[in-house]
Amino acid sequence: MKNMNSMMKQAQKLQKKMLQAQQDLATKTIEASSGGGMVKVVANGAQKIESIILEKEVVDPEDVEMLQDLVLAAVNDALKKSQDMVSAEMGKLTGGMNIPGL
């Protein structure tokens, strides 16, 4: 029974550390770009897009599809980088264990 109590305390400590890490990650940002930096997207560790920056030269009314593709590529890259950042930080806490929901 003593071993079970010890495991529960360790699990509670890990849970607190993970919650704090998630809160910290929500304040960290990454930047992704496409079109040679013409479209930039900033995302945080909560997988929320914080900003999209477009250079004037990329806005061409005659080629809206290209702009849409560049924005989509940059957003997807930003979200992927954000997920990678979260996985790396959580992996430090869990020792590489695959815990569902992280």
PDB file of N, CA and C in Angstrom:
ATOM      1  N   MET A   1       0.818  -1.190   0.000  1.00  0.00           N
ATOM      2  CA  MET A   1       0.000   0.000   0.000  1.00  0.00           C
ATOM      3  C   MET A   1       0.868   1.263   0.000  1.00  0.00           C
ATOM      4  N   LYS A   2       2.003   1.186   0.685  1.00  0.00           N
ATOM      5  CA  LYS A   2       2.909   2.328   0.728  1.00  0.00           C
ATOM      6  C   LYS A   2       3.412   2.659  -0.677  1.00  0.00           C
ATOM      7  N   ASN A   3       3.662   1.626  -1.462  1.00  0.00           N
ATOM      8  CA  ASN A   3       4.130   1.804  -2.830  1.00  0.00           C
ATOM      9  C   ASN A   3       3.070   2.495  -3.681  1.00  0.00           C
ATOM     10  N   MET A   4       1.802   2.166  -3.458  1.00  0.00           N
ATOM     11  CA  MET A   4       0.706   2.775  -4.199  1.00  0.00           C
ATOM     12  C   MET A   4       0.595   4.260  -3.857  1.00  0.00           C
ATOM     13  N   ASN A   5       0.723   4.605  -2.581  1.00  0.00           N
ATOM     14  CA  ASN A   5       0.675   6.010  -2.167  1.00  0.00           C
ATOM     15  C   ASN A   5       1.820   6.793  -2.806  1.00  0.00           C
ATOM     16  N   SER A   6       2.977   6.195  -2.856  1.00  0.00           N
ATOM     17  CA  SER A   6       4.143   6.841  -3.472  1.00  0.00           C
ATOM     18  C   SER A   6       3.896   7.083  -4.959  1.00  0.00           C
ATOM     19  N   MET A   7       3.319   6.104  -5.625  1.00  0.00           N
ATOM     20  CA  MET A   7       3.014   6.252  -7.047  1.00  0.00           C
ATOM     21  C   MET A   7       1.984   7.355  -7.274  1.00  0.00           C
ATOM     22  N   MET A   8       0.993   7.438  -6.412  1.00  0.00           N
ATOM     23  CA  MET A   8      -0.038   8.472  -6.542  1.00  0.00           C
ATOM     24  C   MET A   8       0.562   9.866  -6.354  1.00  0.00           C
ATOM     25  N   LYS A   9       1.463   9.998  -5.379  1.00  0.00           N
ATOM     26  CA  LYS A   9       2.118  11.286  -5.148  1.00  0.00           C
ATOM     27  C   LYS A   9       2.970  11.677  -6.352  1.00  0.00           C
ATOM     28  N   GLN A  10       3.676  10.709  -6.922  1.00  0.00           N
ATOM     29  CA  GLN A  10       4.491  10.982  -8.107  1.00  0.00           C
ATOM     30  C   GLN A  10       3.607  11.399  -9.275  1.00  0.00           C
ATOM     31  N   ALA A  11       2.470  10.728  -9.439  1.00  0.00           N
ATOM     32  CA  ALA A  11       1.547  11.066 -10.521  1.00  0.00           C
ATOM     33  C   ALA A  11       0.988  12.470 -10.336  1.00  0.00           C
ATOM     34  N   GLN A  12       0.691  12.849  -9.107  1.00  0.00           N
ATOM     35  CA  GLN A  12       0.179  14.195  -8.834  1.00  0.00           C
ATOM     36  C   GLN A  12       1.244  15.249  -9.118  1.00  0.00           C
ATOM     37  N   LYS A  13       2.489  14.953  -8.746  1.00  0.00           N
ATOM     38  CA  LYS A  13       3.583  15.887  -9.036  1.00  0.00           C
ATOM     39  C   LYS A  13       3.759  16.055 -10.537  1.00  0.00           C
ATOM     40  N   LEU A  14       3.712  14.940 -11.268  1.00  0.00           N
ATOM     41  CA  LEU A  14       3.849  14.987 -12.717  1.00  0.00           C
ATOM     42  C   LEU A  14       2.700  15.790 -13.325  1.00  0.00           C
ATOM     43  N   GLN A  15       1.501  15.590 -12.827  1.00  0.00           N
ATOM     44  CA  GLN A  15       0.343  16.315 -13.335  1.00  0.00           C
ATOM     45  C   GLN A  15       0.514  17.824 -13.127  1.00  0.00           C
ATOM     46  N   LYS A  16       1.004  18.224 -11.958  1.00  0.00           N
ATOM     47  CA  LYS A  16       1.236  19.646 -11.685  1.00  0.00           C
ATOM     48  C   LYS A  16       2.300  20.211 -12.615  1.00  0.00           C
ATOM     49  N   LYS A  17       3.370  19.444 -12.807  1.00  0.00           N
ATOM     50  CA  LYS A  17       4.446  19.896 -13.687  1.00  0.00           C
ATOM     51  C   LYS A  17       3.949  20.033 -15.124  1.00  0.00           C
ATOM     52  N   MET A  18       3.115  19.096 -15.547  1.00  0.00           N
ATOM     53  CA  MET A  18       2.590  19.141 -16.911  1.00  0.00           C
ATOM     54  C   MET A  18       1.654  20.329 -17.092  1.00  0.00           C
ATOM     55  N   LEU A  19       0.835  20.614 -16.099  1.00  0.00           N
ATOM     56  CA  LEU A  19      -0.063  21.767 -16.173  1.00  0.00           C
ATOM     57  C   LEU A  19       0.745  23.061 -16.257  1.00  0.00           C
ATOM     58  N   GLN A  20       1.795  23.166 -15.439  1.00  0.00           N
ATOM     59  CA  GLN A  20       2.639  24.352 -15.483  1.00  0.00           C
ATOM     60  C   GLN A  20       3.332  24.473 -16.838  1.00  0.00           C
ATOM     61  N   ALA A  21       3.801  23.342 -17.371  1.00  0.00           N
ATOM     62  CA  ALA A  21       4.460  23.359 -18.681  1.00  0.00           C
ATOM     63  C   ALA A  21       3.490  23.818 -19.763  1.00  0.00           C
ATOM     64  N   GLN A  22       2.246  23.354 -19.712  1.00  0.00           N
ATOM     65  CA  GLN A  22       1.250  23.781 -20.695  1.00  0.00           C
ATOM     66  C   GLN A  22       0.994  25.276 -20.602  1.00  0.00           C
ATOM     67  N   GLN A  23       0.938  25.792 -19.391  1.00  0.00           N
ATOM     68  CA  GLN A  23       0.737  27.231 -19.212  1.00  0.00           C
ATOM     69  C   GLN A  23       1.935  28.014 -19.744  1.00  0.00           C
ATOM     70  N   ASP A  24       3.131  27.510 -19.476  1.00  0.00           N
ATOM     71  CA  ASP A  24       4.343  28.162 -19.975  1.00  0.00           C
ATOM     72  C   ASP A  24       4.398  28.121 -21.500  1.00  0.00           C
ATOM     73  N   LEU A  25       4.038  26.978 -22.073  1.00  0.00           N
ATOM     74  CA  LEU A  25       4.073  26.832 -23.526  1.00  0.00           C
ATOM     75  C   LEU A  25       3.103  27.782 -24.221  1.00  0.00           C
ATOM     76  N   ALA A  26       2.003  28.078 -23.572  1.00  0.00           N
ATOM     77  CA  ALA A  26       1.020  28.983 -24.173  1.00  0.00           C
ATOM     78  C   ALA A  26       1.600  30.384 -24.358  1.00  0.00           C
ATOM     79  N   THR A  27       2.676  30.695 -23.633  1.00  0.00           N
ATOM     80  CA  THR A  27       3.303  32.012 -23.765  1.00  0.00           C
ATOM     81  C   THR A  27       4.494  31.998 -24.720  1.00  0.00           C
ATOM     82  N   LYS A  28       4.936  30.807 -25.110  1.00  0.00           N
ATOM     83  CA  LYS A  28       6.053  30.696 -26.049  1.00  0.00           C
ATOM     84  C   LYS A  28       5.524  30.728 -27.475  1.00  0.00           C
ATOM     85  N   THR A  29       6.281  31.330 -28.365  1.00  0.00           N
ATOM     86  CA  THR A  29       5.838  31.418 -29.755  1.00  0.00           C
ATOM     87  C   THR A  29       6.902  30.891 -30.696  1.00  0.00           C
ATOM     88  N   ILE A  30       6.441  30.521 -31.870  1.00  0.00           N
ATOM     89  CA  ILE A  30       7.323  30.136 -32.968  1.00  0.00           C
ATOM     90  C   ILE A  30       6.862  30.923 -34.191  1.00  0.00           C
ATOM     91  N   GLU A  31       7.753  31.030 -35.159  1.00  0.00           N
ATOM     92  CA  GLU A  31       7.412  31.717 -36.405  1.00  0.00           C
ATOM     93  C   GLU A  31       7.693  30.781 -37.565  1.00  0.00           C
ATOM     94  N   ALA A  32       6.790  30.766 -38.505  1.00  0.00           N
ATOM     95  CA  ALA A  32       6.972  30.014 -39.737  1.00  0.00           C
ATOM     96  C   ALA A  32       6.719  30.966 -40.893  1.00  0.00           C
ATOM     97  N   SER A  33       7.285  30.630 -42.038  1.00  0.00           N
ATOM     98  CA  SER A  33       7.080  31.508 -43.193  1.00  0.00           C
ATOM     99  C   SER A  33       6.991  30.685 -44.461  1.00  0.00           C
ATOM    100  N   SER A  34       6.507  31.332 -45.496  1.00  0.00           N
ATOM    101  CA  SER A  34       6.468  30.727 -46.822  1.00  0.00           C
ATOM    102  C   SER A  34       6.728  31.826 -47.832  1.00  0.00           C
ATOM    103  N   GLY A  35       6.975  31.423 -49.056  1.00  0.00           N
ATOM    104  CA  GLY A  35       7.224  32.404 -50.105  1.00  0.00           C
ATOM    105  C   GLY A  35       8.475  33.223 -49.855  1.00  0.00           C
ATOM    106  N   GLY A  36       9.491  32.567 -49.304  1.00  0.00           N
ATOM    107  CA  GLY A  36      10.736  33.275 -49.033  1.00  0.00           C
ATOM    108  C   GLY A  36      10.586  34.372 -48.006  1.00  0.00           C
ATOM    109  N   GLY A  37       9.688  34.162 -47.046  1.00  0.00           N
ATOM    110  CA  GLY A  37       9.481  35.149 -45.991  1.00  0.00           C
ATOM    111  C   GLY A  37       8.415  36.177 -46.303  1.00  0.00           C
ATOM    112  N   MET A  38       7.749  36.018 -47.430  1.00  0.00           N
ATOM    113  CA  MET A  38       6.709  36.977 -47.802  1.00  0.00           C
ATOM    114  C   MET A  38       5.458  36.836 -46.927  1.00  0.00           C
ATOM    115  N   VAL A  39       5.226  35.626 -46.416  1.00  0.00           N
ATOM    116  CA  VAL A  39       4.114  35.367 -45.505  1.00  0.00           C
ATOM    117  C   VAL A  39       4.703  34.782 -44.233  1.00  0.00           C
ATOM    118  N   LYS A  40       4.422  35.410 -43.097  1.00  0.00           N
ATOM    119  CA  LYS A  40       4.928  34.937 -41.810  1.00  0.00           C
ATOM    120  C   LYS A  40       3.748  34.700 -40.880  1.00  0.00           C
ATOM    121  N   VAL A  41       3.840  33.604 -40.134  1.00  0.00           N
ATOM    122  CA  VAL A  41       2.787  33.250 -39.187  1.00  0.00           C
ATOM    123  C   VAL A  41       3.441  32.979 -37.840  1.00  0.00           C
ATOM    124  N   VAL A  42       2.869  33.540 -36.792  1.00  0.00           N
ATOM    125  CA  VAL A  42       3.344  33.307 -35.436  1.00  0.00           C
ATOM    126  C   VAL A  42       2.266  32.500 -34.703  1.00  0.00           C
ATOM    127  N   ALA A  43       2.698  31.396 -34.093  1.00  0.00           N
ATOM    128  CA  ALA A  43       1.788  30.550 -33.319  1.00  0.00           C
ATOM    129  C   ALA A  43       2.385  30.350 -31.930  1.00  0.00           C
ATOM    130  N   ASN A  44       1.515  30.052 -30.961  1.00  0.00           N
ATOM    131  CA  ASN A  44       2.012  29.783 -29.616  1.00  0.00           C
ATOM    132  C   ASN A  44       1.919  28.291 -29.297  1.00  0.00           C
ATOM    133  N   GLY A  45       2.381  27.934 -28.110  1.00  0.00           N
ATOM    134  CA  GLY A  45       2.393  26.540 -27.696  1.00  0.00           C
ATOM    135  C   GLY A  45       1.025  25.961 -27.398  1.00  0.00           C
ATOM    136  N   ALA A  46       0.008  26.783 -27.456  1.00  0.00           N
ATOM    137  CA  ALA A  46      -1.365  26.294 -27.305  1.00  0.00           C
ATOM    138  C   ALA A  46      -1.992  26.050 -28.675  1.00  0.00           C
ATOM    139  N   GLN A  47      -1.159  26.043 -29.714  1.00  0.00           N
ATOM    140  CA  GLN A  47      -1.574  25.863 -31.100  1.00  0.00           C
ATOM    141  C   GLN A  47      -2.595  26.907 -31.540  1.00  0.00           C
ATOM    142  N   LYS A  48      -2.392  28.123 -31.111  1.00  0.00           N
ATOM    143  CA  LYS A  48      -3.220  29.251 -31.531  1.00  0.00           C
ATOM    144  C   LYS A  48      -2.357  30.164 -32.399  1.00  0.00           C
ATOM    145  N   ILE A  49      -2.934  30.621 -33.495  1.00  0.00           N
ATOM    146  CA  ILE A  49      -2.250  31.561 -34.372  1.00  0.00           C
ATOM    147  C   ILE A  49      -2.345  32.947 -33.735  1.00  0.00           C
ATOM    148  N   GLU A  50      -1.199  33.575 -33.523  1.00  0.00           N
ATOM    149  CA  GLU A  50      -1.181  34.897 -32.897  1.00  0.00           C
ATOM    150  C   GLU A  50      -1.134  36.018 -33.925  1.00  0.00           C
ATOM    151  N   SER A  51      -0.471  35.767 -35.042  1.00  0.00           N
ATOM    152  CA  SER A  51      -0.435  36.813 -36.064  1.00  0.00           C
ATOM    153  C   SER A  51      -0.074  36.224 -37.419  1.00  0.00           C
ATOM    154  N   ILE A  52      -0.510  36.931 -38.450  1.00  0.00           N
ATOM    155  CA  ILE A  52      -0.149  36.627 -39.840  1.00  0.00           C
ATOM    156  C   ILE A  52       0.325  37.941 -40.441  1.00  0.00           C
ATOM    157  N   ILE A  53       1.537  37.915 -40.982  1.00  0.00           N
ATOM    158  CA  ILE A  53       2.131  39.115 -41.569  1.00  0.00           C
ATOM    159  C   ILE A  53       2.346  38.873 -43.053  1.00  0.00           C
ATOM    160  N   LEU A  54       1.823  39.767 -43.880  1.00  0.00           N
ATOM    161  CA  LEU A  54       1.968  39.661 -45.331  1.00  0.00           C
ATOM    162  C   LEU A  54       2.791  40.842 -45.829  1.00  0.00           C
ATOM    163  N   GLU A  55       3.799  40.553 -46.620  1.00  0.00           N
ATOM    164  CA  GLU A  55       4.550  41.623 -47.279  1.00  0.00           C
ATOM    165  C   GLU A  55       3.685  42.164 -48.418  1.00  0.00           C
ATOM    166  N   LYS A  56       3.757  43.440 -48.659  1.00  0.00           N
ATOM    167  CA  LYS A  56       2.926  44.078 -49.683  1.00  0.00           C
ATOM    168  C   LYS A  56       3.111  43.428 -51.051  1.00  0.00           C
ATOM    169  N   GLU A  57       4.334  43.026 -51.354  1.00  0.00           N
ATOM    170  CA  GLU A  57       4.634  42.477 -52.671  1.00  0.00           C
ATOM    171  C   GLU A  57       3.891  41.173 -52.971  1.00  0.00           C
ATOM    172  N   VAL A  58       3.470  40.468 -51.938  1.00  0.00           N
ATOM    173  CA  VAL A  58       2.803  39.179 -52.152  1.00  0.00           C
ATOM    174  C   VAL A  58       1.304  39.347 -52.419  1.00  0.00           C
ATOM    175  N   VAL A  59       0.772  40.533 -52.186  1.00  0.00           N
ATOM    176  CA  VAL A  59      -0.661  40.780 -52.386  1.00  0.00           C
ATOM    177  C   VAL A  59      -0.871  41.227 -53.831  1.00  0.00           C
ATOM    178  N   ASP A  60      -1.323  40.275 -54.634  1.00  0.00           N
ATOM    179  CA  ASP A  60      -1.572  40.525 -56.053  1.00  0.00           C
ATOM    180  C   ASP A  60      -3.023  40.171 -56.344  1.00  0.00           C
ATOM    181  N   PRO A  61      -3.874  41.160 -56.605  1.00  0.00           N
ATOM    182  CA  PRO A  61      -5.291  40.883 -56.862  1.00  0.00           C
ATOM    183  C   PRO A  61      -5.509  39.939 -58.047  1.00  0.00           C
ATOM    184  N   GLU A  62      -4.531  39.858 -58.910  1.00  0.00           N
ATOM    185  CA  GLU A  62      -4.644  38.976 -60.076  1.00  0.00           C
ATOM    186  C   GLU A  62      -4.276  37.527 -59.742  1.00  0.00           C
ATOM    187  N   ASP A  63      -3.699  37.290 -58.565  1.00  0.00           N
ATOM    188  CA  ASP A  63      -3.270  35.939 -58.200  1.00  0.00           C
ATOM    189  C   ASP A  63      -3.588  35.653 -56.729  1.00  0.00           C
ATOM    190  N   VAL A  64      -4.853  35.693 -56.394  1.00  0.00           N
ATOM    191  CA  VAL A  64      -5.308  35.450 -55.030  1.00  0.00           C
ATOM    192  C   VAL A  64      -4.999  34.019 -54.608  1.00  0.00           C
ATOM    193  N   GLU A  65      -5.077  33.072 -55.536  1.00  0.00           N
ATOM    194  CA  GLU A  65      -4.822  31.667 -55.207  1.00  0.00           C
ATOM    195  C   GLU A  65      -3.411  31.470 -54.679  1.00  0.00           C
ATOM    196  N   MET A  66      -2.427  32.162 -55.236  1.00  0.00           N
ATOM    197  CA  MET A  66      -1.059  32.032 -54.752  1.00  0.00           C
ATOM    198  C   MET A  66      -0.972  32.510 -53.307  1.00  0.00           C
ATOM    199  N   LEU A  67      -1.589  33.630 -53.001  1.00  0.00           N
ATOM    200  CA  LEU A  67      -1.571  34.146 -51.633  1.00  0.00           C
ATOM    201  C   LEU A  67      -2.248  33.169 -50.682  1.00  0.00           C
ATOM    202  N   GLN A  68      -3.362  32.617 -51.086  1.00  0.00           N
ATOM    203  CA  GLN A  68      -4.053  31.628 -50.260  1.00  0.00           C
ATOM    204  C   GLN A  68      -3.150  30.427 -49.987  1.00  0.00           C
ATOM    205  N   ASP A  69      -2.462  29.946 -51.005  1.00  0.00           N
ATOM    206  CA  ASP A  69      -1.555  28.803 -50.849  1.00  0.00           C
ATOM    207  C   ASP A  69      -0.405  29.135 -49.902  1.00  0.00           C
ATOM    208  N   LEU A  70       0.143  30.342 -50.021  1.00  0.00           N
ATOM    209  CA  LEU A  70       1.256  30.745 -49.155  1.00  0.00           C
ATOM    210  C   LEU A  70       0.805  30.868 -47.700  1.00  0.00           C
ATOM    211  N   VAL A  71      -0.372  31.437 -47.478  1.00  0.00           N
ATOM    212  CA  VAL A  71      -0.898  31.564 -46.115  1.00  0.00           C
ATOM    213  C   VAL A  71      -1.156  30.178 -45.533  1.00  0.00           C
ATOM    214  N   LEU A  72      -1.774  29.325 -46.301  1.00  0.00           N
ATOM    215  CA  LEU A  72      -2.061  27.967 -45.845  1.00  0.00           C
ATOM    216  C   LEU A  72      -0.775  27.226 -45.492  1.00  0.00           C
ATOM    217  N   ALA A  73       0.235  27.325 -46.341  1.00  0.00           N
ATOM    218  CA  ALA A  73       1.514  26.653 -46.084  1.00  0.00           C
ATOM    219  C   ALA A  73       2.160  27.181 -44.808  1.00  0.00           C
ATOM    220  N   ALA A  74       2.158  28.481 -44.618  1.00  0.00           N
ATOM    221  CA  ALA A  74       2.777  29.068 -43.433  1.00  0.00           C
ATOM    222  C   ALA A  74       2.009  28.699 -42.161  1.00  0.00           C
ATOM    223  N   VAL A  75       0.694  28.705 -42.222  1.00  0.00           N
ATOM    224  CA  VAL A  75      -0.113  28.340 -41.050  1.00  0.00           C
ATOM    225  C   VAL A  75       0.125  26.878 -40.687  1.00  0.00           C
ATOM    226  N   ASN A  76       0.102  25.998 -41.668  1.00  0.00           N
ATOM    227  CA  ASN A  76       0.336  24.580 -41.383  1.00  0.00           C
ATOM    228  C   ASN A  76       1.722  24.354 -40.806  1.00  0.00           C
ATOM    229  N   ASP A  77       2.724  25.060 -41.320  1.00  0.00           N
ATOM    230  CA  ASP A  77       4.084  24.927 -40.811  1.00  0.00           C
ATOM    231  C   ASP A  77       4.164  25.455 -39.378  1.00  0.00           C
ATOM    232  N   ALA A  78       3.510  26.560 -39.096  1.00  0.00           N
ATOM    233  CA  ALA A  78       3.513  27.127 -37.745  1.00  0.00           C
ATOM    234  C   ALA A  78       2.866  26.165 -36.755  1.00  0.00           C
ATOM    235  N   LEU A  79       1.741  25.579 -37.132  1.00  0.00           N
ATOM    236  CA  LEU A  79       1.075  24.636 -36.240  1.00  0.00           C
ATOM    237  C   LEU A  79       1.916  23.390 -36.007  1.00  0.00           C
ATOM    238  N   LYS A  80       2.584  22.916 -37.046  1.00  0.00           N
ATOM    239  CA  LYS A  80       3.470  21.747 -36.911  1.00  0.00           C
ATOM    240  C   LYS A  80       4.621  22.072 -35.970  1.00  0.00           C
ATOM    241  N   LYS A  81       5.241  23.239 -36.145  1.00  0.00           N
ATOM    242  CA  LYS A  81       6.349  23.640 -35.270  1.00  0.00           C
ATOM    243  C   LYS A  81       5.865  23.798 -33.829  1.00  0.00           C
ATOM    244  N   SER A  82       4.665  24.315 -33.660  1.00  0.00           N
ATOM    245  CA  SER A  82       4.103  24.475 -32.324  1.00  0.00           C
ATOM    246  C   SER A  82       3.887  23.103 -31.672  1.00  0.00           C
ATOM    247  N   GLN A  83       3.342  22.169 -32.434  1.00  0.00           N
ATOM    248  CA  GLN A  83       3.135  20.812 -31.913  1.00  0.00           C
ATOM    249  C   GLN A  83       4.461  20.147 -31.564  1.00  0.00           C
ATOM    250  N   ASP A  84       5.472  20.351 -32.396  1.00  0.00           N
ATOM    251  CA  ASP A  84       6.793  19.789 -32.122  1.00  0.00           C
ATOM    252  C   ASP A  84       7.379  20.385 -30.842  1.00  0.00           C
ATOM    253  N   MET A  85       7.190  21.692 -30.645  1.00  0.00           N
ATOM    254  CA  MET A  85       7.681  22.360 -29.445  1.00  0.00           C
ATOM    255  C   MET A  85       7.002  21.770 -28.205  1.00  0.00           C
ATOM    256  N   VAL A  86       5.691  21.577 -28.270  1.00  0.00           N
ATOM    257  CA  VAL A  86       4.946  21.010 -27.151  1.00  0.00           C
ATOM    258  C   VAL A  86       5.407  19.578 -26.879  1.00  0.00           C
ATOM    259  N   SER A  87       5.563  18.793 -27.920  1.00  0.00           N
ATOM    260  CA  SER A  87       6.002  17.401 -27.742  1.00  0.00           C
ATOM    261  C   SER A  87       7.372  17.335 -27.095  1.00  0.00           C
ATOM    262  N   ALA A  88       8.276  18.203 -27.519  1.00  0.00           N
ATOM    263  CA  ALA A  88       9.627  18.212 -26.958  1.00  0.00           C
ATOM    264  C   ALA A  88       9.596  18.588 -25.477  1.00  0.00           C
ATOM    265  N   GLU A  89       8.815  19.602 -25.135  1.00  0.00           N
ATOM    266  CA  GLU A  89       8.746  20.035 -23.732  1.00  0.00           C
ATOM    267  C   GLU A  89       8.080  18.975 -22.859  1.00  0.00           C
ATOM    268  N   MET A  90       6.996  18.392 -23.338  1.00  0.00           N
ATOM    269  CA  MET A  90       6.305  17.376 -22.553  1.00  0.00           C
ATOM    270  C   MET A  90       7.147  16.105 -22.456  1.00  0.00           C
ATOM    271  N   GLY A  91       7.905  15.825 -23.506  1.00  0.00           N
ATOM    272  CA  GLY A  91       8.787  14.660 -23.489  1.00  0.00           C
ATOM    273  C   GLY A  91       9.834  14.766 -22.395  1.00  0.00           C
ATOM    274  N   LYS A  92      10.267  15.980 -22.092  1.00  0.00           N
ATOM    275  CA  LYS A  92      11.218  16.183 -20.999  1.00  0.00           C
ATOM    276  C   LYS A  92      10.610  15.770 -19.667  1.00  0.00           C
ATOM    277  N   LEU A  93       9.321  16.037 -19.505  1.00  0.00           N
ATOM    278  CA  LEU A  93       8.637  15.716 -18.251  1.00  0.00           C
ATOM    279  C   LEU A  93       8.301  14.237 -18.137  1.00  0.00           C
ATOM    280  N   THR A  94       7.892  13.652 -19.247  1.00  0.00           N
ATOM    281  CA  THR A  94       7.406  12.269 -19.207  1.00  0.00           C
ATOM    282  C   THR A  94       8.497  11.247 -19.491  1.00  0.00           C
ATOM    283  N   GLY A  95       9.689  11.730 -19.773  1.00  0.00           N
ATOM    284  CA  GLY A  95      10.785  10.804 -20.061  1.00  0.00           C
ATOM    285  C   GLY A  95      10.571  10.023 -21.332  1.00  0.00           C
ATOM    286  N   GLY A  96       9.826  10.597 -22.269  1.00  0.00           N
ATOM    287  CA  GLY A  96       9.591   9.939 -23.541  1.00  0.00           C
ATOM    288  C   GLY A  96       8.393   9.013 -23.552  1.00  0.00           C
ATOM    289  N   MET A  97       7.725   8.858 -22.402  1.00  0.00           N
ATOM    290  CA  MET A  97       6.515   8.017 -22.380  1.00  0.00           C
ATOM    291  C   MET A  97       5.455   8.672 -23.246  1.00  0.00           C
ATOM    292  N   ASN A  98       4.747   7.870 -23.994  1.00  0.00           N
ATOM    293  CA  ASN A  98       3.675   8.392 -24.832  1.00  0.00           C
ATOM    294  C   ASN A  98       2.395   8.433 -24.008  1.00  0.00           C
ATOM    295  N   ILE A  99       2.030   9.633 -23.544  1.00  0.00           N
ATOM    296  CA  ILE A  99       0.820   9.792 -22.737  1.00  0.00           C
ATOM    297  C   ILE A  99      -0.255  10.400 -23.625  1.00  0.00           C
ATOM    298  N   PRO A 100      -1.383   9.722 -23.777  1.00  0.00           N
ATOM    299  CA  PRO A 100      -2.447  10.235 -24.641  1.00  0.00           C
ATOM    300  C   PRO A 100      -2.876  11.649 -24.238  1.00  0.00           C
ATOM    301  N   GLY A 101      -3.178  12.450 -25.242  1.00  0.00           N
ATOM    302  CA  GLY A 101      -3.648  13.798 -24.988  1.00  0.00           C
ATOM    303  C   GLY A 101      -2.551  14.838 -24.922  1.00  0.00           C
ATOM    304  N   LEU A 102      -1.293  14.414 -25.059  1.00  0.00           N
ATOM    305  CA  LEU A 102      -0.181  15.377 -25.026  1.00  0.00           C
ATOM    306  C   LEU A 102       0.367  15.574 -26.392  1.00  0.00           C
TER     307      LEU A 102
END
